[in-house]
Protein backbone atom coordinates (compact mmCIF):
# COMPACT_ATOMS: atom_id res chain seq x y z
CA UNK A 1 0.31 0.02 -0.12
CA UNK A 2 2.24 2.99 -1.37
CA UNK A 3 1.07 6.27 -0.02
CA UNK A 4 0.79 8.95 -2.78
CA UNK A 5 3.78 11.96 -3.45
CA UNK A 6 1.57 14.51 -1.82
CA UNK A 7 0.50 12.39 1.33
CA UNK A 8 4.21 11.71 2.23
CA UNK A 9 4.62 15.16 1.51
CA UNK A 10 1.85 16.64 3.73
CA UNK A 11 2.73 14.29 6.39
CA UNK A 12 6.58 15.41 5.93
CA UNK A 13 5.99 18.86 6.30
CA UNK A 14 3.52 18.45 9.22
CA UNK A 15 6.24 15.80 10.82
CA UNK A 16 8.34 19.04 10.79
CA UNK A 17 6.31 21.95 11.14
CA UNK A 18 8.14 23.19 14.33
CA UNK A 19 11.82 23.23 12.22
CA UNK A 20 11.00 22.83 8.24
CA UNK A 21 12.39 20.55 6.44
CA UNK A 22 14.84 20.94 3.59
CA UNK A 23 14.02 20.51 -0.05
CA UNK A 24 17.11 18.14 -0.49
CA UNK A 25 15.66 15.85 2.42
CA UNK A 26 11.90 15.98 0.49
CA UNK A 27 13.62 14.94 -2.49
CA UNK A 28 15.44 12.04 -0.91
CA UNK A 29 12.48 10.94 1.23
CA UNK A 30 10.11 11.21 -2.06
CA UNK A 31 12.26 10.00 -5.26
CA UNK A 32 15.30 8.48 -2.92
CA UNK A 33 14.61 4.87 -4.35
CA UNK A 34 13.19 6.51 -7.91
CA UNK A 35 14.72 6.88 -11.22
CA UNK A 36 13.12 10.84 -11.10
CA UNK A 37 15.04 12.72 -14.08
CA UNK A 38 14.15 16.28 -12.54
CA UNK A 39 13.90 15.39 -8.47
CA UNK A 40 13.63 19.29 -8.16
CA UNK A 41 10.78 19.85 -10.59
CA UNK A 42 9.10 16.64 -9.35
CA UNK A 43 8.79 18.46 -5.73
CA UNK A 44 7.45 21.28 -7.05
CA UNK A 45 5.76 19.88 -9.17
CA UNK A 46 4.50 17.50 -6.19
CA UNK A 47 4.06 20.69 -3.95
CA UNK A 48 1.77 22.46 -6.44
CA UNK A 49 -0.48 19.09 -6.66
CA UNK A 50 -0.75 19.28 -2.94
CA UNK A 51 -1.48 22.68 -2.23
CA UNK A 52 -4.61 22.05 -5.25
CA UNK A 53 -5.85 19.09 -3.29
CA UNK A 54 -6.15 21.30 -0.21
CA UNK A 55 -7.43 23.87 -1.68
CA UNK A 56 -10.08 21.24 -3.44
CA UNK A 57 -11.12 19.62 -0.05
CA UNK A 58 -12.98 22.51 1.26
CA UNK A 59 -10.03 23.87 3.83
CA UNK A 60 -9.44 27.52 4.11
CA UNK A 61 -8.03 29.60 1.13
CA UNK A 62 -4.24 29.67 2.27
CA UNK A 63 -0.94 29.11 0.55
CA UNK A 64 -0.41 26.20 3.45
CA UNK A 65 3.50 25.68 2.15
CA UNK A 66 6.17 28.43 2.33
CA UNK A 67 9.26 27.64 0.85
CA UNK A 68 12.58 29.46 2.12
CA UNK A 69 15.76 29.29 1.96
CA UNK A 70 15.66 25.91 0.09
CA UNK A 71 13.76 24.91 3.49
CA UNK A 72 10.13 24.06 3.36
CA UNK A 73 7.80 24.61 5.96
CA UNK A 74 3.90 24.03 6.82
CA UNK A 75 2.26 27.12 7.19
CA UNK A 76 -1.04 26.37 7.51
CA UNK A 77 -3.04 28.60 9.84
CA UNK A 78 -5.56 25.59 10.75
CA UNK A 79 -3.92 24.53 14.03
CA UNK A 80 -2.29 21.09 13.67
CA UNK A 81 -1.54 18.05 16.56
CA UNK A 82 0.61 15.79 15.84
CA UNK A 83 1.40 12.78 18.44
CA UNK A 84 4.70 12.00 17.94
CA UNK A 85 5.46 15.59 18.01
CA UNK A 86 3.79 15.80 21.73
CA UNK A 87 5.45 12.20 22.27
CA UNK A 88 9.11 14.01 21.56
CA UNK A 89 8.20 17.36 23.36
CA UNK A 90 7.33 15.66 26.35
CA UNK A 91 10.52 13.73 26.47
CA UNK A 92 12.55 16.31 25.75
CA UNK A 93 10.86 18.31 28.72
CA UNK A 94 11.47 15.53 30.79
CA UNK A 95 15.26 15.46 30.07
CA UNK A 96 15.87 19.07 30.48
CA UNK A 97 14.21 19.56 33.84
CA UNK A 98 16.47 18.67 37.15
CA UNK A 99 12.76 18.24 38.95
CA UNK A 100 12.58 13.73 39.42
CA UNK A 101 8.70 14.55 39.83
CA UNK A 102 8.15 16.38 37.09
CA UNK A 103 10.26 14.34 35.41
CA UNK A 104 8.72 11.32 35.80
CA UNK A 105 5.50 12.92 34.96
CA UNK A 106 6.31 13.78 31.85
CA UNK A 107 7.88 10.46 31.02
CA UNK A 108 4.43 8.97 32.36
CA UNK A 109 2.41 11.20 29.26
CA UNK A 110 5.13 10.25 26.75
CA UNK A 111 4.48 6.98 27.30
CA UNK A 112 0.72 6.92 27.50
CA UNK A 113 1.00 9.34 24.02
CA UNK A 114 2.88 6.18 22.42
CA UNK A 115 0.55 3.70 20.84
CA UNK A 116 3.19 1.70 18.73
CA UNK A 117 5.03 1.85 15.06
CA UNK A 118 4.88 5.09 13.20
CA UNK A 119 2.85 5.09 10.35
CA UNK A 120 2.81 1.24 10.01
CA UNK A 121 1.13 1.42 6.66
CA UNK A 122 3.90 2.84 5.44
CA UNK A 123 6.93 1.22 6.70
CA UNK A 124 8.11 0.25 3.66
CA UNK A 125 9.28 3.90 3.36
CA UNK A 126 12.62 4.85 4.27
CA UNK A 127 11.95 7.78 6.45
CA UNK A 128 9.17 6.23 7.95
CA UNK A 129 11.08 3.21 9.32
CA UNK A 130 13.94 5.74 10.42
CA UNK A 131 11.32 7.90 12.70
CA UNK A 132 9.73 4.56 13.42
CA UNK A 133 13.42 3.11 15.22
CA UNK A 134 14.04 6.52 16.50
CA UNK A 135 10.68 6.65 18.63
CA UNK A 136 10.49 3.15 19.63
CA UNK A 137 14.24 3.52 20.99
CA UNK A 138 12.81 6.33 22.30
CA UNK A 139 9.91 5.05 24.17
CA UNK A 140 12.18 2.11 25.44
CA UNK A 141 14.74 4.23 27.31
CA UNK A 142 11.84 6.37 29.02
CA UNK A 143 10.02 3.13 29.70
CA UNK A 144 13.06 1.65 31.45
CA UNK A 145 13.98 4.85 33.45
CA UNK A 146 10.57 5.46 34.44
CA UNK A 147 9.91 1.53 35.77
CA UNK A 148 13.05 1.60 37.73
CA UNK A 149 11.48 4.93 39.49
CA UNK A 150 8.32 3.29 39.82
CA UNK A 151 10.06 0.65 41.25
CA UNK A 152 12.59 2.55 43.29
CA UNK A 153 9.63 4.23 44.87
CA UNK A 154 7.83 1.03 45.55
CA UNK A 155 4.74 2.51 43.15
CA UNK A 156 3.94 -1.36 42.16
CA UNK A 157 0.65 -0.69 40.94
CA UNK A 158 1.71 2.36 38.37
CA UNK A 159 4.67 0.53 37.27
CA UNK A 160 3.04 -2.58 36.59
CA UNK A 161 0.36 -0.32 34.32
CA UNK A 162 3.22 1.08 32.51
CA UNK A 163 5.31 -2.58 31.90
CA UNK A 164 1.46 -4.21 30.79
CA UNK A 165 1.24 -1.81 28.65
CA UNK A 166 4.23 -1.75 27.04
CA UNK A 167 3.96 -5.26 26.99
CA UNK A 168 0.52 -4.84 25.09
CA UNK A 169 2.26 -2.68 22.62
CA UNK A 170 5.82 -5.11 22.45
CA UNK A 171 4.42 -8.86 23.19
């Protein structure tokens, strides 16, 4: 089940909505394994088609995608929530805090957000596979630290919940 290039482009832009993504990275992700004569032209064409599809879908009139200095940004004014970004943000906040209770709360929130494989229907795409491994490794790291902390603080019921959920996701 191969997703259309416009769908993949939209997913990539929304996934990197906070930082933007280099056109070169988009070209590699979308056309990396394909024999495409004019990759830059193909990307520009895909951006054009995506904008057209978004406008045709009944969404408010907007540019949605901005290209500046070789970087592409999702600039739609419609609020977009991305679970894997929320997952990453909670982990990053947990990693940066010096308050152990706040760290554990943030890690618990991150573990609750995580539901398993990243875009499982697209796992054959290299960029999806890479993101999947990165998220899974972060989930394992945070889950281990969380379980160690819960055990050390004799919060066995919470430890059981976290471990049981992890075992359901990865038997």
